[in-house]
Amino acid sequence: MERWEPTLENERLSRVLLDRDLAALGDAFVNLVYSLALTRQAGRPKGSKVENRILAEAIRRAGLRGLLPKRLDRHAIGGSAEALLAYAWLEGLVAMDECTEALRPSLDQPVEAFTQLLTLIVGRVKAGRGMER
C-alpha cells in the first residue's frame, strides 16, 4: 500500500472523496455498474446493491483511507468510494462500460473488484487527468 504525501493533488482528491453530492450520485452509479457486471456475467438481468463495508474495505486496500478524516464510519468511507467513482465518470476518467468490465473478473470477490477499479482511477488521477474540482 502506497503512503500518500501531502500534495495539492491529494488535497483535491480528499475534497472529492468527501463531496456528499458526488457520493449521492455515486451510490446510484456504483449499484448500476455492479448490476450491469452481474447481468453480463449471468446472461440475464440482475440487480444488486453494493454494501458500504465492501466499498470501505476497497478504499482501505486502494490506499485511500489516509486521505480521509480519522473518525469516519463505514457508511461515510463507503460514500467516499462512491464519490470518487462518480467524479471519475463525470470527468471522463472512466466510462460506464469500462467500470463494468473492470469489475467482471472479480465479481465473486467484490472487495477486490472495487479495489482494482479504485486503483485504476487513482492511477489516472496521478497521470494528470482530472482533479480540477
C-alpha atoms as a PDB file:
ATOM      1  CA  MET A   1       0.000   0.000   0.000  1.00  0.00           C
ATOM      2  CA  GLU A   2       1.369   3.363  -1.031  1.00  0.00           C
ATOM      3  CA  ARG A   3       1.718   6.160   1.514  1.00  0.00           C
ATOM      4  CA  TRP A   4       0.092   9.431   0.476  1.00  0.00           C
ATOM      5  CA  GLU A   5       2.176  12.570   0.740  1.00  0.00           C
ATOM      6  CA  PRO A   6       0.578  15.970   1.354  1.00  0.00           C
ATOM      7  CA  THR A   7       0.349  17.492  -2.111  1.00  0.00           C
ATOM      8  CA  LEU A   8      -2.103  19.748  -3.891  1.00  0.00           C
ATOM      9  CA  GLU A   9      -3.274  16.715  -5.891  1.00  0.00           C
ATOM     10  CA  ASN A  10      -4.047  14.808  -2.680  1.00  0.00           C
ATOM     11  CA  GLU A  11      -5.863  17.803  -1.156  1.00  0.00           C
ATOM     12  CA  ARG A  12      -8.099  17.931  -4.213  1.00  0.00           C
ATOM     13  CA  LEU A  13      -8.589  14.181  -4.105  1.00  0.00           C
ATOM     14  CA  SER A  14      -9.583  14.458  -0.427  1.00  0.00           C
ATOM     15  CA  ARG A  15     -12.193  17.083  -1.354  1.00  0.00           C
ATOM     16  CA  VAL A  16     -13.633  14.758  -3.981  1.00  0.00           C
ATOM     17  CA  LEU A  17     -13.716  11.833  -1.544  1.00  0.00           C
ATOM     18  CA  LEU A  18     -15.673  13.931   0.979  1.00  0.00           C
ATOM     19  CA  ASP A  19     -18.135  15.508  -1.504  1.00  0.00           C
ATOM     20  CA  ARG A  20     -21.630  14.474  -0.376  1.00  0.00           C
ATOM     21  CA  ASP A  21     -23.270  15.398  -3.664  1.00  0.00           C
ATOM     22  CA  LEU A  22     -20.846  13.189  -5.563  1.00  0.00           C
ATOM     23  CA  ALA A  23     -21.426  10.408  -3.021  1.00  0.00           C
ATOM     24  CA  ALA A  24     -25.191  10.602  -3.562  1.00  0.00           C
ATOM     25  CA  LEU A  25     -24.776  10.282  -7.327  1.00  0.00           C
ATOM     26  CA  GLY A  26     -22.056   7.685  -6.831  1.00  0.00           C
ATOM     27  CA  ASP A  27     -24.384   5.479  -4.790  1.00  0.00           C
ATOM     28  CA  ALA A  28     -26.646   5.025  -7.814  1.00  0.00           C
ATOM     29  CA  PHE A  29     -23.693   4.788 -10.217  1.00  0.00           C
ATOM     30  CA  VAL A  30     -21.909   2.075  -8.195  1.00  0.00           C
ATOM     31  CA  ASN A  31     -25.052  -0.035  -7.906  1.00  0.00           C
ATOM     32  CA  LEU A  32     -25.739   0.358 -11.633  1.00  0.00           C
ATOM     33  CA  VAL A  33     -22.262  -0.656 -12.838  1.00  0.00           C
ATOM     34  CA  TYR A  34     -22.172  -3.550 -10.367  1.00  0.00           C
ATOM     35  CA  SER A  35     -25.618  -4.739 -11.507  1.00  0.00           C
ATOM     36  CA  LEU A  36     -24.566  -4.416 -15.153  1.00  0.00           C
ATOM     37  CA  ALA A  37     -21.459  -6.509 -14.493  1.00  0.00           C
ATOM     38  CA  LEU A  38     -23.589  -9.163 -12.761  1.00  0.00           C
ATOM     39  CA  THR A  39     -26.066  -9.069 -15.662  1.00  0.00           C
ATOM     40  CA  ARG A  40     -23.349  -9.553 -18.261  1.00  0.00           C
ATOM     41  CA  GLN A  41     -21.830 -12.406 -16.298  1.00  0.00           C
ATOM     42  CA  ALA A  42     -25.177 -14.179 -15.728  1.00  0.00           C
ATOM     43  CA  GLY A  43     -26.557 -13.533 -19.197  1.00  0.00           C
ATOM     44  CA  ARG A  44     -29.813 -12.283 -17.692  1.00  0.00           C
ATOM     45  CA  PRO A  45     -30.874  -9.134 -15.804  1.00  0.00           C
ATOM     46  CA  LYS A  46     -29.597  -8.923 -12.234  1.00  0.00           C
ATOM     47  CA  GLY A  47     -29.934  -6.077  -9.793  1.00  0.00           C
ATOM     48  CA  SER A  48     -27.839  -5.673  -6.673  1.00  0.00           C
ATOM     49  CA  LYS A  49     -26.699  -3.111  -4.152  1.00  0.00           C
ATOM     50  CA  VAL A  50     -23.100  -2.798  -3.026  1.00  0.00           C
ATOM     51  CA  GLU A  51     -22.700  -2.723   0.741  1.00  0.00           C
ATOM     52  CA  ASN A  52     -20.753   0.106   2.371  1.00  0.00           C
ATOM     53  CA  ARG A  53     -18.498  -2.419   4.137  1.00  0.00           C
ATOM     54  CA  ILE A  54     -17.313  -3.616   0.701  1.00  0.00           C
ATOM     55  CA  LEU A  55     -16.584  -0.094  -0.512  1.00  0.00           C
ATOM     56  CA  ALA A  56     -14.956   0.927   2.784  1.00  0.00           C
ATOM     57  CA  GLU A  57     -12.590  -2.040   2.612  1.00  0.00           C
ATOM     58  CA  ALA A  58     -11.828  -1.252  -1.053  1.00  0.00           C
ATOM     59  CA  ILE A  59     -10.939   2.332  -0.042  1.00  0.00           C
ATOM     60  CA  ARG A  60      -8.540   0.925   2.553  1.00  0.00           C
ATOM     61  CA  ARG A  61      -6.967  -1.595   0.174  1.00  0.00           C
ATOM     62  CA  ALA A  62      -6.582   1.030  -2.547  1.00  0.00           C
ATOM     63  CA  GLY A  63      -4.533   3.133  -0.103  1.00  0.00           C
ATOM     64  CA  LEU A  64      -7.044   5.984   0.077  1.00  0.00           C
ATOM     65  CA  ARG A  65      -8.046   5.764   3.748  1.00  0.00           C
ATOM     66  CA  GLY A  66      -5.231   8.113   4.774  1.00  0.00           C
ATOM     67  CA  LEU A  67      -6.824  10.913   2.751  1.00  0.00           C
ATOM     68  CA  LEU A  68      -9.942  10.840   4.911  1.00  0.00           C
ATOM     69  CA  PRO A  69     -10.540  12.173   8.427  1.00  0.00           C
ATOM     70  CA  LYS A  70      -9.800   9.687  11.203  1.00  0.00           C
ATOM     71  CA  ARG A  71     -13.273   9.370  12.689  1.00  0.00           C
ATOM     72  CA  LEU A  72     -15.455   8.287   9.813  1.00  0.00           C
ATOM     73  CA  ASP A  73     -17.859   5.372   9.996  1.00  0.00           C
ATOM     74  CA  ARG A  74     -18.106   2.652   7.372  1.00  0.00           C
ATOM     75  CA  HIS A  75     -21.045   4.412   5.710  1.00  0.00           C
ATOM     76  CA  ALA A  76     -19.060   7.636   5.190  1.00  0.00           C
ATOM     77  CA  ILE A  77     -15.988   5.760   3.964  1.00  0.00           C
ATOM     78  CA  GLY A  78     -18.143   3.807   1.521  1.00  0.00           C
ATOM     79  CA  GLY A  79     -19.593   7.128   0.392  1.00  0.00           C
ATOM     80  CA  SER A  80     -16.054   8.269  -0.399  1.00  0.00           C
ATOM     81  CA  ALA A  81     -15.644   5.384  -2.838  1.00  0.00           C
ATOM     82  CA  GLU A  82     -18.977   6.309  -4.412  1.00  0.00           C
ATOM     83  CA  ALA A  83     -17.916   9.954  -4.685  1.00  0.00           C
ATOM     84  CA  LEU A  84     -14.633   9.069  -6.394  1.00  0.00           C
ATOM     85  CA  LEU A  85     -16.330   6.726  -8.868  1.00  0.00           C
ATOM     86  CA  ALA A  86     -18.971   9.326  -9.739  1.00  0.00           C
ATOM     87  CA  TYR A  87     -16.283  12.002 -10.117  1.00  0.00           C
ATOM     88  CA  ALA A  88     -14.196   9.779 -12.386  1.00  0.00           C
ATOM     89  CA  TRP A  89     -17.190   9.039 -14.587  1.00  0.00           C
ATOM     90  CA  LEU A  90     -18.334  12.696 -14.744  1.00  0.00           C
ATOM     91  CA  GLU A  91     -14.816  13.892 -15.598  1.00  0.00           C
ATOM     92  CA  GLY A  92     -14.350  11.284 -18.314  1.00  0.00           C
ATOM     93  CA  LEU A  93     -11.620   9.382 -16.473  1.00  0.00           C
ATOM     94  CA  VAL A  94     -13.613   6.154 -16.887  1.00  0.00           C
ATOM     95  CA  ALA A  95     -16.603   5.134 -18.977  1.00  0.00           C
ATOM     96  CA  MET A  96     -19.523   3.186 -17.549  1.00  0.00           C
ATOM     97  CA  ASP A  97     -18.703   0.164 -19.724  1.00  0.00           C
ATOM     98  CA  GLU A  98     -15.087   0.321 -18.590  1.00  0.00           C
ATOM     99  CA  CYS A  99     -16.194   0.228 -14.945  1.00  0.00           C
ATOM    100  CA  THR A 100     -18.477  -2.716 -15.651  1.00  0.00           C
ATOM    101  CA  GLU A 101     -15.727  -4.625 -17.440  1.00  0.00           C
ATOM    102  CA  ALA A 102     -13.177  -3.817 -14.729  1.00  0.00           C
ATOM    103  CA  LEU A 103     -15.473  -5.383 -12.120  1.00  0.00           C
ATOM    104  CA  ARG A 104     -16.332  -8.553 -14.032  1.00  0.00           C
ATOM    105  CA  PRO A 105     -13.148 -10.610 -13.453  1.00  0.00           C
ATOM    106  CA  SER A 106     -13.549 -10.426  -9.655  1.00  0.00           C
ATOM    107  CA  LEU A 107     -17.324 -10.391  -9.138  1.00  0.00           C
ATOM    108  CA  ASP A 108     -17.058 -13.332  -6.747  1.00  0.00           C
ATOM    109  CA  GLN A 109     -14.772 -11.097  -4.631  1.00  0.00           C
ATOM    110  CA  PRO A 110     -16.444  -7.650  -4.694  1.00  0.00           C
ATOM    111  CA  VAL A 111     -13.905  -6.013  -2.379  1.00  0.00           C
ATOM    112  CA  GLU A 112     -11.136  -6.988  -4.775  1.00  0.00           C
ATOM    113  CA  ALA A 113     -13.208  -5.880  -7.776  1.00  0.00           C
ATOM    114  CA  PHE A 114     -13.788  -2.402  -6.361  1.00  0.00           C
ATOM    115  CA  THR A 115     -10.203  -2.142  -5.097  1.00  0.00           C
ATOM    116  CA  GLN A 116      -8.971  -2.722  -8.645  1.00  0.00           C
ATOM    117  CA  LEU A 117     -11.408  -0.163 -10.052  1.00  0.00           C
ATOM    118  CA  LEU A 118     -10.454   2.487  -7.484  1.00  0.00           C
ATOM    119  CA  THR A 119      -6.767   1.795  -8.107  1.00  0.00           C
ATOM    120  CA  LEU A 120      -7.305   2.246 -11.854  1.00  0.00           C
ATOM    121  CA  ILE A 121      -8.967   5.614 -11.243  1.00  0.00           C
ATOM    122  CA  VAL A 122      -6.269   6.816  -8.826  1.00  0.00           C
ATOM    123  CA  GLY A 123      -3.648   5.878 -11.414  1.00  0.00           C
ATOM    124  CA  ARG A 124      -5.390   8.054 -13.950  1.00  0.00           C
ATOM    125  CA  VAL A 125      -5.635  10.933 -11.485  1.00  0.00           C
ATOM    126  CA  LYS A 126      -1.900  10.625 -10.785  1.00  0.00           C
ATOM    127  CA  ALA A 127      -1.200  10.609 -14.522  1.00  0.00           C
ATOM    128  CA  GLY A 128      -2.564  14.136 -14.558  1.00  0.00           C
ATOM    129  CA  ARG A 129      -6.068  13.601 -15.798  1.00  0.00           C
ATOM    130  CA  GLY A 130      -8.852  15.267 -13.846  1.00  0.00           C
ATOM    131  CA  MET A 131      -8.829  16.896 -10.390  1.00  0.00           C
ATOM    132  CA  GLU A 132      -9.963  20.354 -11.463  1.00  0.00           C
ATOM    133  CA  ARG A 133     -12.625  20.406  -8.743  1.00  0.00           C
END
